[in-house]
Amino acid sequence: MVIGGGTIGMIHAACLSRVAETNLLVRREEQAADVAVKGITILQPDGQRTVDRVNATSNPTCLANAELVIVAVKSYSTNEVASVMASHLGQDAVILSLQNGLAHEQAFRDACGAAKVISGKTGYSGRRQADSTVEMAATGVTVIGEPAATLTERIVTISKLFGDAGINVNVSDNIRAEVWSKFAQACCQNALSALTRKSFGNLRRSEEATELLRRGSAELTALADAEGVRLLFDPYERIMDNWLFEDHRSSMLQDLESDRPTEVDALNGEAVRLGKGHGLSMPINETLWLLTKASESM
């Protein structure tokens, strides 16, 4: 079961439907009906086009039979999804969240039981063109692992399933650092892309923007150190070196342009909250957070 009818949810549901019985749970019945009739179309960066038939529904009762639940909703829907899963999930279901931010896994542990939850992140990106069509920007890597950093049978099984489905997948014995590293990079680049209305490539070509990226990166690295996490890379250096996303406009920018809520609370807002707990000053992240919230409210 994949929960979430956005870019990440549809990419993973489409791929997994090739090798396993897969259901896509979405909020709107209109989207469920569209996917049920048309399948999911993925437009690849190289111009290829695939169409996969996926069972789609807006009725959460189908969660009762799910063995693996992949959560790919926006961070602000986490508590609602956790409540729905707590009411419908079977005893042996496994929950894998591919959401942005840091707090979602604890919400699922609290609602459904810690033993059900494994950790993950994804580097896939793109934009939803229509209810059943996704334009993929980059075929990144989906990384999974146990919170306890052990290699378990369920991780091996899920990794093989993903690989058979054509999903680029890695298993990590340090998944907390993986999730934190993605969080740090997203905090640095997503809000700045949204506020400037520019792609990542445009940010890298601006001296002022790169200085903001550098300062924001230093704040996130210090925060990770305070949390006892050693990032896998320097966020600033990764952004400057990552030309795969040259023309990509962040999901936060896509949300602002579509008058949707953003995930800035789960990214820069969360960084500021955690920083205060450690007595750290986070002026760049706080400014990006407040400016994005102001843009949302207007």
Protein backbone atom coordinates (compact mmCIF):
# COMPACT_ATOMS: atom_id res chain seq x y z
CA MET A 1 0.00 0.00 0.00
CA VAL A 2 1.32 3.43 -0.98
CA ILE A 3 -0.31 6.39 0.76
CA GLY A 4 -0.09 9.67 -1.15
CA GLY A 5 -1.01 10.64 -4.70
CA GLY A 6 1.85 13.05 -5.29
CA THR A 7 5.09 12.60 -7.21
CA ILE A 8 6.87 10.24 -4.81
CA GLY A 9 3.81 8.14 -4.07
CA MET A 10 2.91 7.63 -7.71
CA ILE A 11 6.48 6.80 -8.78
CA HIS A 12 6.85 4.10 -6.13
CA ALA A 13 3.32 2.73 -6.63
CA ALA A 14 3.80 2.48 -10.39
CA CYS A 15 7.11 0.66 -10.08
CA LEU A 16 5.96 -1.73 -7.34
CA SER A 17 2.80 -2.64 -9.26
CA ARG A 18 5.05 -4.42 -11.78
CA VAL A 19 6.10 -7.06 -9.25
CA ALA A 20 3.53 -7.05 -6.43
CA GLU A 21 -0.12 -6.41 -5.72
CA THR A 22 -0.06 -2.67 -5.07
CA ASN A 23 -2.74 -0.25 -3.94
CA LEU A 24 -2.52 3.55 -3.99
CA LEU A 25 -4.47 5.33 -1.25
CA VAL A 26 -5.25 8.96 -2.07
CA ARG A 27 -7.33 11.68 -0.47
CA ARG A 28 -9.62 12.51 -3.42
CA GLU A 29 -11.99 10.05 -5.03
CA GLU A 30 -11.52 11.92 -8.33
CA GLN A 31 -7.82 11.06 -8.40
CA ALA A 32 -8.49 7.45 -7.40
CA ALA A 33 -10.96 7.10 -10.28
CA ASP A 34 -8.53 8.70 -12.75
CA VAL A 35 -5.68 6.36 -11.77
CA ALA A 36 -7.99 3.35 -11.80
CA VAL A 37 -9.00 4.09 -15.38
CA LYS A 38 -5.75 5.42 -16.87
CA GLY A 39 -3.06 3.87 -14.70
CA ILE A 40 -0.02 5.94 -13.72
CA THR A 41 2.01 7.54 -16.49
CA ILE A 42 5.63 8.39 -15.71
CA LEU A 43 7.55 10.66 -18.06
CA GLN A 44 11.24 9.81 -17.65
CA PRO A 45 14.06 12.41 -17.86
CA ASP A 46 15.34 10.66 -21.01
CA GLY A 47 11.99 11.06 -22.75
CA GLN A 48 10.72 7.53 -22.20
CA ARG A 49 7.11 7.07 -21.14
CA THR A 50 5.73 4.23 -19.02
CA VAL A 51 2.15 3.42 -18.04
CA ASP A 52 1.46 1.06 -15.13
CA ARG A 53 -1.91 -0.19 -13.92
CA VAL A 54 -2.37 0.42 -10.20
CA ASN A 55 -5.29 -0.24 -7.89
CA ALA A 56 -6.32 3.14 -6.50
CA THR A 57 -8.81 4.08 -3.80
CA SER A 58 -9.72 6.79 -1.32
CA ASN A 59 -11.10 4.23 1.16
CA PRO A 60 -8.60 3.42 3.95
CA THR A 61 -10.25 0.11 4.87
CA CYS A 62 -7.97 -1.57 2.31
CA LEU A 63 -5.09 -0.95 4.73
CA ALA A 64 -6.23 -3.97 6.72
CA ASN A 65 -4.58 -6.36 4.24
CA ALA A 66 -1.39 -4.37 3.67
CA GLU A 67 1.93 -6.05 4.47
CA LEU A 68 4.03 -2.99 3.60
CA VAL A 69 2.76 0.59 3.83
CA ILE A 70 4.83 3.31 2.14
CA VAL A 71 3.89 6.80 3.32
CA ALA A 72 4.49 9.59 0.81
CA VAL A 73 2.18 12.38 1.94
CA LYS A 74 3.14 15.94 2.81
CA SER A 75 4.52 16.33 6.31
CA TYR A 76 1.55 18.35 7.54
CA SER A 77 -0.72 15.33 6.90
CA THR A 78 1.37 12.99 9.07
CA ASN A 79 -0.84 12.99 12.17
CA GLU A 80 -3.99 12.42 10.12
CA VAL A 81 -2.39 9.49 8.28
CA ALA A 82 -1.03 8.04 11.53
CA SER A 83 -4.54 8.08 13.01
CA VAL A 84 -6.01 6.38 9.94
CA MET A 85 -3.35 3.68 9.99
CA ALA A 86 -3.83 3.06 13.70
CA SER A 87 -7.50 2.30 13.00
CA HIS A 88 -7.02 0.02 10.00
CA LEU A 89 -3.55 -1.59 9.87
CA GLY A 90 -3.08 -5.27 10.51
CA GLN A 91 -0.84 -6.55 13.30
CA ASP A 92 2.13 -7.49 11.11
CA ALA A 93 2.22 -4.53 8.73
CA VAL A 94 5.51 -2.67 8.19
CA ILE A 95 5.52 1.13 7.81
CA LEU A 96 8.12 2.90 5.66
CA SER A 97 7.90 6.69 5.44
CA LEU A 98 9.61 8.54 2.59
CA GLN A 99 8.48 11.96 3.78
CA ASN A 100 10.49 15.12 4.28
CA GLY A 101 11.44 16.16 7.80
CA LEU A 102 12.34 14.31 10.99
CA ALA A 103 9.25 13.98 13.18
CA HIS A 104 7.05 11.66 11.10
CA GLU A 105 8.57 8.37 12.22
CA GLN A 106 7.87 9.11 15.89
CA ALA A 107 4.26 9.94 15.02
CA PHE A 108 3.86 6.52 13.39
CA ARG A 109 5.58 4.77 16.31
CA ASP A 110 3.27 6.47 18.79
CA ALA A 111 0.13 5.66 16.78
CA CYS A 112 0.90 2.18 15.45
CA GLY A 113 3.72 0.74 17.57
CA ALA A 114 7.48 1.17 17.26
CA ALA A 115 8.04 -2.37 15.98
CA LYS A 116 6.12 -1.63 12.78
CA VAL A 117 8.29 1.33 11.69
CA ILE A 118 11.42 1.24 9.55
CA SER A 119 13.29 4.28 8.24
CA GLY A 120 13.84 5.63 4.76
CA LYS A 121 14.46 8.52 2.44
CA THR A 122 14.25 8.98 -1.31
CA GLY A 123 16.17 11.01 -3.87
CA TYR A 124 13.52 10.65 -6.57
CA SER A 125 12.01 13.97 -7.61
CA GLY A 126 9.71 15.51 -10.18
CA ARG A 127 6.31 17.10 -10.45
CA ARG A 128 2.78 15.84 -10.82
CA GLN A 129 1.39 17.00 -14.15
CA ALA A 130 -2.08 15.56 -13.59
CA ASP A 131 -3.90 13.19 -11.27
CA SER A 132 -2.39 10.18 -13.04
CA THR A 133 0.77 11.64 -14.63
CA VAL A 134 4.20 12.38 -13.14
CA GLU A 135 7.13 14.07 -14.84
CA MET A 136 10.27 12.69 -13.21
CA ALA A 137 13.14 15.16 -12.73
CA ALA A 138 15.77 12.70 -11.53
CA THR A 139 15.99 9.00 -10.77
CA GLY A 140 17.66 9.21 -7.40
CA VAL A 141 18.03 6.44 -4.82
CA THR A 142 15.59 5.27 -2.17
CA VAL A 143 17.47 4.30 1.00
CA ILE A 144 16.00 2.09 3.73
CA GLY A 145 17.21 0.75 7.05
CA GLU A 146 16.28 -0.27 10.55
CA PRO A 147 16.28 2.47 13.21
CA ALA A 148 18.44 0.14 15.33
CA ALA A 149 21.02 -0.08 12.50
CA THR A 150 20.68 -3.86 12.15
CA LEU A 151 20.18 -5.85 8.97
CA THR A 152 16.89 -7.69 9.36
CA GLU A 153 15.02 -10.13 7.17
CA ARG A 154 12.31 -7.58 6.45
CA ILE A 155 14.85 -5.03 5.22
CA VAL A 156 16.42 -7.62 2.91
CA THR A 157 12.97 -8.61 1.60
CA ILE A 158 11.87 -5.02 0.97
CA SER A 159 15.17 -4.15 -0.68
CA LYS A 160 14.82 -7.08 -3.09
CA LEU A 161 11.21 -6.11 -3.81
CA PHE A 162 12.25 -2.56 -4.66
CA GLY A 163 15.15 -3.73 -6.81
CA ASP A 164 12.93 -6.15 -8.74
CA ALA A 165 10.50 -3.27 -9.32
CA GLY A 166 13.23 -1.14 -10.90
CA ILE A 167 13.56 1.25 -7.97
CA ASN A 168 17.14 2.29 -7.24
CA VAL A 169 17.52 1.13 -3.64
CA ASN A 170 20.28 1.03 -1.03
CA VAL A 171 20.25 -0.51 2.45
CA SER A 172 21.94 1.61 5.10
CA ASP A 173 23.31 0.63 8.50
CA ASN A 174 23.28 4.35 9.43
CA ILE A 175 19.81 5.39 8.31
CA ARG A 176 19.56 8.19 10.88
CA ALA A 177 22.51 9.94 9.25
CA GLU A 178 20.94 9.37 5.82
CA VAL A 179 17.65 10.98 6.88
CA TRP A 180 19.40 13.84 8.66
CA SER A 181 21.64 14.54 5.67
CA LYS A 182 18.64 14.80 3.35
CA PHE A 183 16.90 17.01 5.93
CA ALA A 184 19.89 19.37 6.11
CA GLN A 185 20.17 19.68 2.33
CA ALA A 186 16.42 20.24 1.95
CA CYS A 187 16.44 22.97 4.62
CA CYS A 188 19.22 24.76 2.76
CA GLN A 189 17.82 24.66 -0.77
CA ASN A 190 14.04 24.17 -0.81
CA ALA A 191 12.86 27.35 0.92
CA LEU A 192 15.41 29.51 -0.90
CA SER A 193 14.25 28.10 -4.23
CA ALA A 194 10.65 28.80 -3.24
CA LEU A 195 11.27 32.36 -2.06
CA THR A 196 13.33 33.36 -5.10
CA ARG A 197 11.02 31.46 -7.49
CA LYS A 198 14.14 29.97 -9.09
CA SER A 199 15.55 26.54 -9.91
CA PHE A 200 18.49 25.03 -8.05
CA GLY A 201 20.76 25.91 -10.98
CA ASN A 202 19.79 29.57 -10.70
CA LEU A 203 20.65 29.53 -6.99
CA ARG A 204 24.13 28.19 -7.71
CA ARG A 205 24.79 30.98 -10.20
CA SER A 206 23.98 33.73 -7.69
CA GLU A 207 26.74 34.89 -5.37
CA GLU A 208 24.24 36.10 -2.79
CA ALA A 209 22.16 32.91 -2.93
CA THR A 210 25.22 30.70 -2.55
CA GLU A 211 26.30 32.72 0.49
CA LEU A 212 22.89 32.06 2.06
CA LEU A 213 23.25 28.38 1.21
CA ARG A 214 26.69 28.32 2.83
CA ARG A 215 25.50 30.00 6.04
CA GLY A 216 22.39 27.83 6.26
CA SER A 217 24.52 24.73 5.76
CA ALA A 218 26.80 25.71 8.65
CA GLU A 219 23.75 26.08 10.91
CA LEU A 220 22.44 22.62 9.98
CA THR A 221 25.84 20.97 10.44
CA ALA A 222 26.13 22.48 13.92
CA LEU A 223 22.60 21.32 14.74
CA ALA A 224 23.36 17.77 13.61
CA ASP A 225 26.49 17.74 15.76
CA ALA A 226 24.41 18.84 18.75
CA GLU A 227 21.97 15.99 18.05
CA GLY A 228 24.81 13.48 17.92
CA VAL A 229 24.55 12.95 14.16
CA ARG A 230 27.50 13.14 11.79
CA LEU A 231 26.17 14.19 8.41
CA LEU A 232 27.25 12.08 5.44
CA PHE A 233 28.18 15.20 3.48
CA ASP A 234 28.42 18.94 3.81
CA PRO A 235 25.03 20.24 2.59
CA TYR A 236 26.53 23.28 0.89
CA GLU A 237 29.11 21.23 -1.02
CA ARG A 238 26.47 18.68 -2.06
CA ILE A 239 24.20 21.41 -3.41
CA MET A 240 27.03 23.08 -5.32
CA ASP A 241 28.21 19.78 -6.82
CA ASN A 242 24.81 18.26 -7.62
CA TRP A 243 24.16 19.27 -11.23
CA LEU A 244 21.56 16.54 -11.69
CA PHE A 245 18.98 18.96 -10.32
CA GLU A 246 20.11 21.96 -12.40
CA ASP A 247 16.66 22.84 -13.75
CA HIS A 248 14.59 21.43 -10.89
CA ARG A 249 12.24 23.75 -9.02
CA SER A 250 11.83 22.59 -5.44
CA SER A 251 8.60 20.95 -4.30
CA MET A 252 8.20 23.89 -1.92
CA LEU A 253 8.26 26.29 -4.88
CA GLN A 254 5.73 24.11 -6.71
CA ASP A 255 3.49 24.29 -3.62
CA LEU A 256 3.70 28.08 -3.37
CA GLU A 257 2.97 28.50 -7.07
CA SER A 258 -0.10 26.26 -6.70
CA ASP A 259 -1.33 28.03 -3.55
CA ARG A 260 -0.83 24.88 -1.48
CA PRO A 261 0.62 24.71 2.04
CA THR A 262 4.36 24.05 2.13
CA GLU A 263 6.46 21.72 4.27
CA VAL A 264 8.58 24.53 5.67
CA ASP A 265 7.39 23.84 9.24
CA ALA A 266 8.79 20.30 9.01
CA LEU A 267 12.06 21.54 7.53
CA ASN A 268 13.38 24.97 8.51
CA GLY A 269 10.79 25.34 11.27
CA GLU A 270 11.85 22.04 12.80
CA ALA A 271 15.53 23.06 12.53
CA VAL A 272 14.79 26.26 14.44
CA ARG A 273 12.83 24.38 17.10
CA LEU A 274 15.58 21.82 17.62
CA GLY A 275 18.24 24.53 17.59
CA LYS A 276 16.53 26.41 20.40
CA GLY A 277 16.55 23.23 22.46
CA HIS A 278 20.34 23.18 22.17
CA GLY A 279 20.79 26.93 22.64
CA LEU A 280 21.86 27.33 19.00
CA SER A 281 21.18 30.45 16.97
CA MET A 282 19.64 29.62 13.58
CA PRO A 283 19.16 33.04 11.93
CA ILE A 284 19.26 31.90 8.29
CA ASN A 285 16.84 29.01 8.81
CA GLU A 286 14.56 31.16 10.97
CA THR A 287 14.42 33.86 8.31
CA LEU A 288 13.73 31.35 5.51
CA TRP A 289 11.03 29.75 7.66
CA LEU A 290 9.26 33.03 8.49
CA LEU A 291 9.49 34.41 4.95
CA THR A 292 8.04 31.19 3.52
CA LYS A 293 5.22 31.24 6.07
CA ALA A 294 4.54 34.86 5.13
CA SER A 295 4.41 33.89 1.45
CA GLU A 296 1.97 31.11 2.27
CA SER A 297 -0.31 33.40 4.26
CA MET A 298 -0.42 35.95 1.42
